[in-house]
Amino acid sequence: MAQGPKQQFSAISFIFLTIFIDRFGESLIFPLLPFLVEPFGFDAFSLGLLVSSFAAAQFFAAPILGSLSDHYGRRPILLICVFGTGVANLIFAGATRGAFLFGARALDGATGGVASTAQAYISDIAAPQDRAKLFGITGAAFGLGFIFGPALGGVLATISLTLPVFVAAGVAFLNCIFGYFTLPESLPKDQRRTLKLQDFNPFQSLTYLWGGRGIRSLLGAFFSFSLAFSAFTSVYVLFLNARFDWGPGEAAIVFVIIGVFSTLVQGGLIRILLRYVKEMQLCLYGFLCLGLGLTFVLITPTVHPWPYIGLYSSAIAIAFGFGLVLPALRALICNQVSDQEQGQVLGSSQALQSIAAVLGPTWAGWTFDNVNPSAPFSQSILLFGLAAFLILFNRRYYLAASKTP
């Protein structure tokens, strides 16, 4: 749908702010989560379930929100998602019972279709030659949100642990008001589609996994990577507190470092590396960095100043590993299928990532409580190794696809 320059600027500004605030609010709260739930007597397993409740709600709601945006338009769905985030954070900050915490996280997950709907909005308003540039802007918003969220959260937490959550809620409400008055609809009524029953089935995209293709090993690697990453990150702050007696401020710095370096890698460095190194090698180097980063976490002495040296170094290694693996592995997956299958295989990988985000934190919380606090990290190292093995197992398909004439 064509828009004038002024309308398009307002729309893109809202989309940028929406993605920034969505990631900002999430990363602002995440390092503080173990400390926020401490008054409710949550152990690591309960915390894992709380983190999983967000991912589970998002898994079931995402296809519904996407289909509703195709039928009713992007604008109302975007505004509902932003408003839902504000309400969820407000409930979470004022919760007096553990059940309210779970309800708030589930509501936030259920209205968490911001990124996909925002990308659909951009596709509606941008010419094909401009989409990559605008998608790059949304990627920058995502990265900046992940950097500034933990930084501000750590500062505000020194005043009050719940203050960052109230701030996240307030910013979401302000953005919702801004969008209500400035955001035009991008999808014309004559281009909207009729809803179908299968549109509401979150498991539909998983049917691609049973197609008997060699790509299943790559999807298995993606699932193993996602499971490991969601597992150790869910108990990372708990581990820092239990082993090094680090509070919200110190933990926030670690997440800022991860955000900065992973953004630098995904935003520019990986393009340079791809001139000299293939995607498969980048994935393997990335898994090596992730394994080394978690090993640093486990072997870092508790005597000052080693925690700062070891954990900051591990954060840089983890950031490099994540920044290399995620885009390179997605490219590997896409390169194994035809253009007509891109949407289907990306949908399958996204569904696997969501399932991993449900299972990983729950499993990590249980092992943290019942095995030892180091167990989720050592097990994640093994899962990263499994992912690397699956990529090597699939190398004959990769080499066939990347062979140049």
Protein backbone atom coordinates (compact mmCIF):
# COMPACT_ATOMS: atom_id res chain seq x y z
CA MET A 1 0.00 0.00 0.00
CA ALA A 2 1.59 3.26 -1.13
CA GLN A 3 2.14 5.90 1.55
CA GLY A 4 3.40 9.43 1.36
CA PRO A 5 6.88 10.25 2.69
CA LYS A 6 5.50 11.74 5.92
CA GLN A 7 3.20 8.78 6.56
CA GLN A 8 5.95 6.29 5.79
CA PHE A 9 8.39 8.08 8.12
CA SER A 10 5.82 7.98 10.96
CA ALA A 11 5.10 4.32 10.27
CA ILE A 12 8.77 3.31 10.17
CA SER A 13 9.45 5.35 13.32
CA PHE A 14 6.70 3.47 15.12
CA ILE A 15 7.95 0.10 13.85
CA PHE A 16 11.51 0.92 14.94
CA LEU A 17 10.33 2.05 18.39
CA THR A 18 8.04 -0.96 18.74
CA ILE A 19 10.77 -3.51 18.04
CA PHE A 20 13.25 -1.55 20.15
CA ILE A 21 10.82 -1.33 23.08
CA ASP A 22 9.81 -4.98 22.74
CA ARG A 23 13.44 -6.14 23.01
CA PHE A 24 14.32 -3.34 25.45
CA GLY A 25 11.56 -4.33 27.87
CA GLU A 26 12.35 -8.03 27.66
CA SER A 27 16.11 -7.62 28.14
CA LEU A 28 15.56 -4.98 30.85
CA ILE A 29 13.60 -7.48 32.96
CA PHE A 30 15.44 -10.72 32.17
CA PRO A 31 18.63 -10.13 34.26
CA LEU A 32 16.43 -9.09 37.19
CA LEU A 33 13.99 -12.00 36.97
CA PRO A 34 15.56 -14.27 39.64
CA PHE A 35 15.63 -11.39 42.10
CA LEU A 36 12.08 -10.27 41.27
CA VAL A 37 10.63 -13.73 42.00
CA GLU A 38 12.74 -14.35 45.11
CA PRO A 39 10.06 -12.98 47.52
CA PHE A 40 7.65 -15.62 46.15
CA GLY A 41 9.96 -18.48 47.12
CA PHE A 42 10.71 -19.58 43.56
CA ASP A 43 13.46 -22.15 43.09
CA ALA A 44 15.32 -22.63 39.78
CA PHE A 45 12.70 -25.06 38.47
CA SER A 46 9.88 -22.60 39.18
CA LEU A 47 11.87 -19.86 37.48
CA GLY A 48 12.37 -22.15 34.48
CA LEU A 49 8.64 -22.77 34.29
CA LEU A 50 8.02 -19.03 34.46
CA VAL A 51 10.39 -18.40 31.54
CA SER A 52 8.81 -21.30 29.63
CA SER A 53 5.30 -19.92 30.13
CA PHE A 54 6.19 -16.92 27.97
CA ALA A 55 7.57 -19.11 25.18
CA ALA A 56 4.64 -21.53 25.34
CA ALA A 57 2.07 -18.74 25.06
CA GLN A 58 4.01 -17.21 22.18
CA PHE A 59 4.18 -20.56 20.37
CA PHE A 60 0.41 -21.00 20.43
CA ALA A 61 -0.46 -17.34 19.80
CA ALA A 62 2.03 -16.48 17.02
CA PRO A 63 0.20 -18.20 14.12
CA ILE A 64 -3.11 -16.79 15.34
CA LEU A 65 -1.77 -13.23 15.45
CA GLY A 66 -0.19 -13.64 12.02
CA SER A 67 -3.44 -14.89 10.51
CA LEU A 68 -5.47 -12.17 12.22
CA SER A 69 -3.14 -9.52 10.81
CA ASP A 70 -3.67 -10.97 7.32
CA HIS A 71 -7.44 -10.74 7.82
CA TYR A 72 -7.98 -7.57 9.88
CA GLY A 73 -4.84 -5.64 8.97
CA ARG A 74 -1.48 -4.99 10.62
CA ARG A 75 -2.37 -1.84 12.56
CA PRO A 76 -4.85 -3.30 15.10
CA ILE A 77 -2.68 -6.35 15.78
CA LEU A 78 0.43 -4.22 16.34
CA LEU A 79 -1.41 -1.91 18.72
CA ILE A 80 -2.91 -4.86 20.62
CA CYS A 81 0.53 -6.47 20.96
CA VAL A 82 2.14 -3.28 22.27
CA PHE A 83 -0.74 -2.62 24.68
CA GLY A 84 -0.63 -6.24 25.87
CA THR A 85 3.06 -5.91 26.67
CA GLY A 86 2.34 -2.83 28.79
CA VAL A 87 -0.48 -4.56 30.69
CA ALA A 88 1.64 -7.69 31.23
CA ASN A 89 4.52 -5.69 32.69
CA LEU A 90 2.16 -3.73 34.92
CA ILE A 91 0.66 -6.96 36.31
CA PHE A 92 4.12 -8.44 36.79
CA ALA A 93 5.44 -5.40 38.66
CA GLY A 94 2.45 -5.29 40.99
CA ALA A 95 2.05 -9.04 41.50
CA THR A 96 1.28 -10.20 45.02
CA ARG A 97 1.07 -13.92 44.20
CA GLY A 98 3.10 -16.29 42.08
CA ALA A 99 0.07 -17.07 39.90
CA PHE A 100 -0.03 -13.41 38.80
CA LEU A 101 3.59 -13.68 37.66
CA PHE A 102 2.75 -16.66 35.45
CA GLY A 103 -0.34 -14.90 34.11
CA ALA A 104 1.67 -11.79 33.28
CA ARG A 105 4.38 -13.71 31.46
CA ALA A 106 1.80 -15.75 29.54
CA LEU A 107 -0.05 -12.57 28.52
CA ASP A 108 3.23 -11.00 27.39
CA GLY A 109 3.99 -14.10 25.32
CA ALA A 110 0.50 -14.27 23.85
CA THR A 111 0.78 -10.68 22.64
CA GLY A 112 4.39 -11.13 21.59
CA GLY A 113 3.82 -11.19 17.84
CA VAL A 114 5.40 -7.78 17.42
CA ALA A 115 8.43 -8.73 15.32
CA SER A 116 6.64 -10.88 12.74
CA THR A 117 3.74 -8.43 12.34
CA ALA A 118 6.16 -5.51 12.09
CA GLN A 119 8.08 -7.29 9.32
CA ALA A 120 4.82 -7.95 7.49
CA TYR A 121 3.99 -4.24 7.81
CA ILE A 122 7.33 -3.31 6.24
CA SER A 123 6.74 -5.74 3.39
CA ASP A 124 3.39 -4.02 2.78
CA ILE A 125 4.70 -0.46 2.57
CA ALA A 126 8.18 -0.89 1.08
CA ALA A 127 9.18 -1.45 -2.52
CA PRO A 128 11.05 -4.75 -3.04
CA GLN A 129 14.39 -2.97 -3.51
CA ASP A 130 13.94 -1.12 -0.19
CA ARG A 131 12.91 -4.05 2.02
CA ALA A 132 16.41 -5.25 2.86
CA LYS A 133 17.36 -1.75 4.03
CA LEU A 134 14.26 -1.42 6.20
CA PHE A 135 14.69 -4.91 7.61
CA GLY A 136 18.22 -3.83 8.52
CA ILE A 137 16.73 -0.93 10.47
CA THR A 138 14.52 -3.34 12.43
CA GLY A 139 17.57 -5.51 13.10
CA ALA A 140 19.37 -2.48 14.49
CA ALA A 141 16.37 -1.73 16.73
CA PHE A 142 16.47 -5.30 18.03
CA GLY A 143 20.18 -5.07 18.82
CA LEU A 144 19.98 -1.65 20.44
CA GLY A 145 17.09 -2.79 22.63
CA PHE A 146 19.16 -5.73 23.86
CA ILE A 147 22.04 -3.40 24.70
CA PHE A 148 20.18 -0.57 26.45
CA GLY A 149 17.66 -2.78 28.27
CA PRO A 150 20.07 -4.52 30.68
CA ALA A 151 22.08 -1.32 31.12
CA LEU A 152 19.09 0.75 32.25
CA GLY A 153 17.61 -2.16 34.19
CA GLY A 154 20.79 -2.54 36.21
CA VAL A 155 20.81 1.18 37.07
CA LEU A 156 17.12 1.38 37.99
CA ALA A 157 17.33 -1.80 40.05
CA THR A 158 19.61 0.02 42.49
CA ILE A 159 16.59 2.19 43.34
CA SER A 160 13.93 -0.52 43.29
CA LEU A 161 13.77 -3.98 41.76
CA THR A 162 10.29 -3.39 40.36
CA LEU A 163 11.05 0.09 38.99
CA PRO A 164 12.51 -1.26 35.69
CA VAL A 165 9.32 -3.27 35.11
CA PHE A 166 7.12 -0.22 35.68
CA VAL A 167 9.33 1.76 33.31
CA ALA A 168 8.99 -0.96 30.65
CA ALA A 169 5.20 -0.86 31.06
CA GLY A 170 5.09 2.93 30.81
CA VAL A 171 7.23 3.04 27.69
CA ALA A 172 5.01 0.41 26.02
CA PHE A 173 1.85 2.43 26.80
CA LEU A 174 3.42 5.62 25.44
CA ASN A 175 4.38 3.83 22.24
CA CYS A 176 0.85 2.47 21.92
CA ILE A 177 -0.54 6.02 22.14
CA PHE A 178 2.02 7.21 19.58
CA GLY A 179 1.02 4.41 17.20
CA TYR A 180 -2.70 5.01 17.66
CA PHE A 181 -2.37 8.57 16.40
CA THR A 182 0.36 8.16 13.78
CA LEU A 183 0.28 4.59 12.39
CA PRO A 184 -1.75 4.12 9.20
CA GLU A 185 -2.99 0.73 8.01
CA SER A 186 -0.64 -0.94 5.51
CA LEU A 187 -2.77 -3.80 4.18
CA PRO A 188 -5.61 -2.76 1.84
CA LYS A 189 -8.94 -4.50 2.36
CA ASP A 190 -8.88 -6.01 -1.11
CA GLN A 191 -5.59 -7.78 -0.29
CA ARG A 192 -6.73 -9.35 2.96
CA ARG A 193 -7.42 -13.07 3.10
CA THR A 194 -10.14 -15.15 4.66
CA LEU A 195 -9.31 -16.98 7.85
CA LYS A 196 -9.09 -20.77 7.71
CA LEU A 197 -9.19 -23.29 10.54
CA GLN A 198 -5.64 -24.53 9.87
CA ASP A 199 -4.34 -20.99 10.38
CA PHE A 200 -4.85 -21.48 14.12
CA ASN A 201 -2.81 -24.70 14.36
CA PRO A 202 0.65 -23.91 15.79
CA PHE A 203 1.90 -27.41 14.93
CA GLN A 204 1.14 -27.08 11.22
CA SER A 205 4.61 -25.81 10.35
CA LEU A 206 6.20 -28.83 12.02
CA THR A 207 4.83 -31.15 9.33
CA TYR A 208 7.78 -30.08 7.16
CA LEU A 209 10.10 -31.99 9.48
CA TRP A 210 8.77 -35.36 8.37
CA GLY A 211 9.47 -34.87 4.68
CA GLY A 212 12.34 -37.36 4.55
CA ARG A 213 14.90 -34.74 3.49
CA GLY A 214 18.55 -34.47 4.37
CA ILE A 215 17.76 -31.05 5.79
CA ARG A 216 16.43 -32.72 8.92
CA SER A 217 19.96 -32.92 10.33
CA LEU A 218 20.29 -29.13 9.98
CA LEU A 219 16.92 -28.60 11.65
CA GLY A 220 18.08 -30.99 14.36
CA ALA A 221 21.20 -28.88 14.79
CA PHE A 222 19.06 -25.75 15.03
CA PHE A 223 16.86 -27.38 17.69
CA SER A 224 19.89 -28.58 19.68
CA PHE A 225 21.44 -25.09 19.51
CA SER A 226 18.18 -23.39 20.55
CA LEU A 227 17.59 -25.87 23.39
CA ALA A 228 21.09 -25.36 24.79
CA PHE A 229 21.02 -21.58 24.49
CA SER A 230 17.58 -21.18 26.09
CA ALA A 231 18.58 -23.60 28.87
CA PHE A 232 21.75 -22.00 30.16
CA THR A 233 20.56 -18.40 29.70
CA SER A 234 17.49 -19.09 31.87
CA VAL A 235 19.66 -19.96 34.90
CA TYR A 236 22.67 -17.80 34.07
CA VAL A 237 21.82 -15.03 36.54
CA LEU A 238 21.00 -17.61 39.24
CA PHE A 239 24.41 -19.21 38.70
CA LEU A 240 26.20 -15.86 38.92
CA ASN A 241 24.44 -15.16 42.19
CA ALA A 242 25.00 -18.63 43.67
CA ARG A 243 28.67 -18.98 42.69
CA PHE A 244 29.98 -15.40 42.64
CA ASP A 245 27.38 -13.59 44.78
CA TRP A 246 26.66 -11.22 41.90
CA GLY A 247 23.53 -9.08 42.05
CA PRO A 248 21.36 -7.46 39.35
CA GLY A 249 23.92 -4.75 38.52
CA GLU A 250 26.81 -7.13 37.83
CA ALA A 251 24.57 -9.54 35.91
CA ALA A 252 23.22 -6.71 33.76
CA ILE A 253 26.75 -5.79 32.67
CA VAL A 254 27.30 -9.32 31.39
CA PHE A 255 24.14 -9.09 29.28
CA VAL A 256 25.17 -5.68 27.95
CA ILE A 257 28.50 -7.15 26.82
CA ILE A 258 26.68 -10.03 25.09
CA GLY A 259 24.30 -7.58 23.42
CA VAL A 260 27.06 -5.28 22.17
CA PHE A 261 29.30 -7.96 20.71
CA SER A 262 26.53 -10.12 19.22
CA THR A 263 25.11 -7.01 17.54
CA LEU A 264 28.53 -6.11 16.12
CA VAL A 265 28.98 -9.64 14.77
CA GLN A 266 25.51 -9.93 13.22
CA GLY A 267 25.42 -6.31 12.10
CA GLY A 268 28.68 -6.20 10.17
CA LEU A 269 31.45 -8.64 10.99
CA ILE A 270 29.68 -11.69 9.62
CA ARG A 271 29.35 -10.06 6.19
CA ILE A 272 33.11 -9.61 6.08
CA LEU A 273 33.78 -13.15 7.28
CA LEU A 274 31.47 -14.64 4.66
CA ARG A 275 33.82 -13.34 1.96
CA TYR A 276 36.45 -15.75 3.18
CA VAL A 277 34.64 -18.49 5.15
CA LYS A 278 31.62 -20.62 4.25
CA GLU A 279 28.50 -20.80 6.40
CA MET A 280 29.28 -24.32 7.62
CA GLN A 281 32.69 -23.26 8.93
CA LEU A 282 31.19 -20.19 10.60
CA CYS A 283 28.70 -22.43 12.40
CA LEU A 284 31.48 -24.69 13.66
CA TYR A 285 33.58 -21.73 14.80
CA GLY A 286 30.49 -20.34 16.50
CA PHE A 287 29.84 -23.55 18.41
CA LEU A 288 33.50 -23.60 19.45
CA CYS A 289 33.13 -20.05 20.84
CA LEU A 290 29.95 -21.01 22.69
CA GLY A 291 31.61 -24.09 24.19
CA LEU A 292 34.65 -22.08 25.27
CA GLY A 293 32.43 -19.34 26.71
CA LEU A 294 30.51 -21.78 28.91
CA THR A 295 33.73 -23.51 29.91
CA PHE A 296 35.08 -20.14 31.10
CA VAL A 297 31.93 -19.73 33.20
CA LEU A 298 32.49 -23.10 34.87
CA ILE A 299 36.23 -22.80 35.56
CA THR A 300 36.45 -19.13 36.58
CA PRO A 301 37.77 -18.84 40.17
CA THR A 302 35.68 -16.99 42.72
CA VAL A 303 38.65 -15.00 44.05
CA HIS A 304 38.75 -11.30 43.04
CA PRO A 305 39.44 -10.13 40.32
CA TRP A 306 39.05 -13.41 38.42
CA PRO A 307 35.23 -13.34 38.23
CA TYR A 308 35.36 -10.08 36.25
CA ILE A 309 38.11 -11.32 33.95
CA GLY A 310 36.65 -14.78 33.40
CA LEU A 311 32.97 -13.86 33.11
CA TYR A 312 33.50 -10.82 30.88
CA SER A 313 35.71 -12.96 28.62
CA SER A 314 33.08 -15.69 28.58
CA ALA A 315 30.39 -13.14 27.69
CA ILE A 316 32.43 -12.00 24.67
CA ALA A 317 32.97 -15.61 23.54
CA ILE A 318 29.26 -16.41 23.96
CA ALA A 319 28.31 -13.27 22.03
CA PHE A 320 30.65 -14.16 19.16
CA GLY A 321 29.34 -17.71 19.10
CA PHE A 322 25.70 -16.68 19.05
CA GLY A 323 26.36 -13.96 16.48
CA LEU A 324 28.05 -16.45 14.14
CA VAL A 325 25.78 -19.46 14.57
CA LEU A 326 22.31 -17.94 14.29
CA PRO A 327 22.58 -16.23 10.87
CA ALA A 328 24.95 -18.84 9.41
CA LEU A 329 22.78 -21.79 10.45
CA ARG A 330 19.65 -20.12 9.12
CA ALA A 331 21.45 -19.49 5.82
CA LEU A 332 22.53 -23.14 5.69
CA ILE A 333 18.95 -24.27 6.20
CA CYS A 334 17.58 -21.92 3.53
CA ASN A 335 20.28 -22.93 1.04
CA GLN A 336 19.13 -26.55 1.16
CA VAL A 337 15.63 -25.90 -0.20
CA SER A 338 14.09 -24.23 -3.23
CA ASP A 339 12.79 -20.66 -3.23
CA GLN A 340 9.24 -22.00 -3.04
CA GLU A 341 10.02 -23.81 0.21
CA GLN A 342 11.71 -20.94 2.06
CA GLY A 343 8.66 -19.88 4.04
CA GLN A 344 7.82 -23.42 5.02
CA VAL A 345 11.29 -24.34 6.26
CA LEU A 346 11.70 -21.03 8.13
CA GLY A 347 8.33 -21.66 9.77
CA SER A 348 9.55 -25.10 10.86
CA SER A 349 12.75 -23.67 12.31
CA GLN A 350 10.82 -20.96 14.15
CA ALA A 351 8.47 -23.57 15.61
CA LEU A 352 11.45 -25.66 16.74
CA GLN A 353 13.00 -22.59 18.36
CA SER A 354 9.77 -21.93 20.25
CA ILE A 355 9.53 -25.52 21.48
CA ALA A 356 13.17 -25.37 22.59
CA ALA A 357 12.40 -22.14 24.48
CA VAL A 358 9.66 -24.02 26.34
CA LEU A 359 11.67 -27.15 27.16
CA GLY A 360 15.11 -25.62 27.77
CA PRO A 361 14.40 -23.39 30.80
CA THR A 362 12.28 -26.09 32.50
CA TRP A 363 14.97 -28.74 32.07
CA ALA A 364 17.75 -26.32 33.14
CA GLY A 365 15.85 -25.26 36.26
CA TRP A 366 15.30 -28.88 37.31
CA THR A 367 18.94 -29.85 36.82
CA PHE A 368 20.09 -26.68 38.61
CA ASP A 369 18.06 -27.69 41.69
CA ASN A 370 18.45 -31.47 41.62
CA VAL A 371 21.89 -32.13 40.08
CA ASN A 372 24.09 -29.07 40.68
CA PRO A 373 24.17 -25.43 39.50
CA SER A 374 26.87 -26.25 36.93
CA ALA A 375 24.87 -29.03 35.26
CA PRO A 376 22.86 -26.86 32.80
CA PHE A 377 26.11 -25.36 31.48
CA SER A 378 27.97 -28.65 31.01
CA GLN A 379 24.90 -30.20 29.38
CA SER A 380 24.55 -27.18 27.07
CA ILE A 381 28.17 -27.68 25.99
CA LEU A 382 27.28 -31.26 25.02
CA LEU A 383 24.24 -30.04 23.07
CA PHE A 384 26.38 -27.51 21.19
CA GLY A 385 28.71 -30.38 20.36
CA LEU A 386 25.76 -32.44 19.11
CA ALA A 387 24.67 -29.55 16.89
CA ALA A 388 28.18 -29.31 15.42
CA PHE A 389 28.17 -33.07 14.75
CA LEU A 390 24.81 -32.83 12.95
CA ILE A 391 26.16 -30.06 10.73
CA LEU A 392 29.20 -32.17 9.85
CA PHE A 393 26.89 -35.12 9.20
CA ASN A 394 25.01 -32.97 6.70
CA ARG A 395 28.14 -31.66 4.96
CA ARG A 396 27.57 -33.62 1.77
CA TYR A 397 24.26 -31.78 1.23
CA TYR A 398 25.89 -28.46 2.04
CA LEU A 399 28.80 -29.04 -0.34
CA ALA A 400 26.44 -30.07 -3.14
CA ALA A 401 24.36 -26.91 -2.65
CA SER A 402 27.34 -24.55 -2.43
CA LYS A 403 29.34 -26.03 -5.34
CA THR A 404 30.17 -23.37 -7.88
CA PRO A 405 30.25 -24.13 -11.65
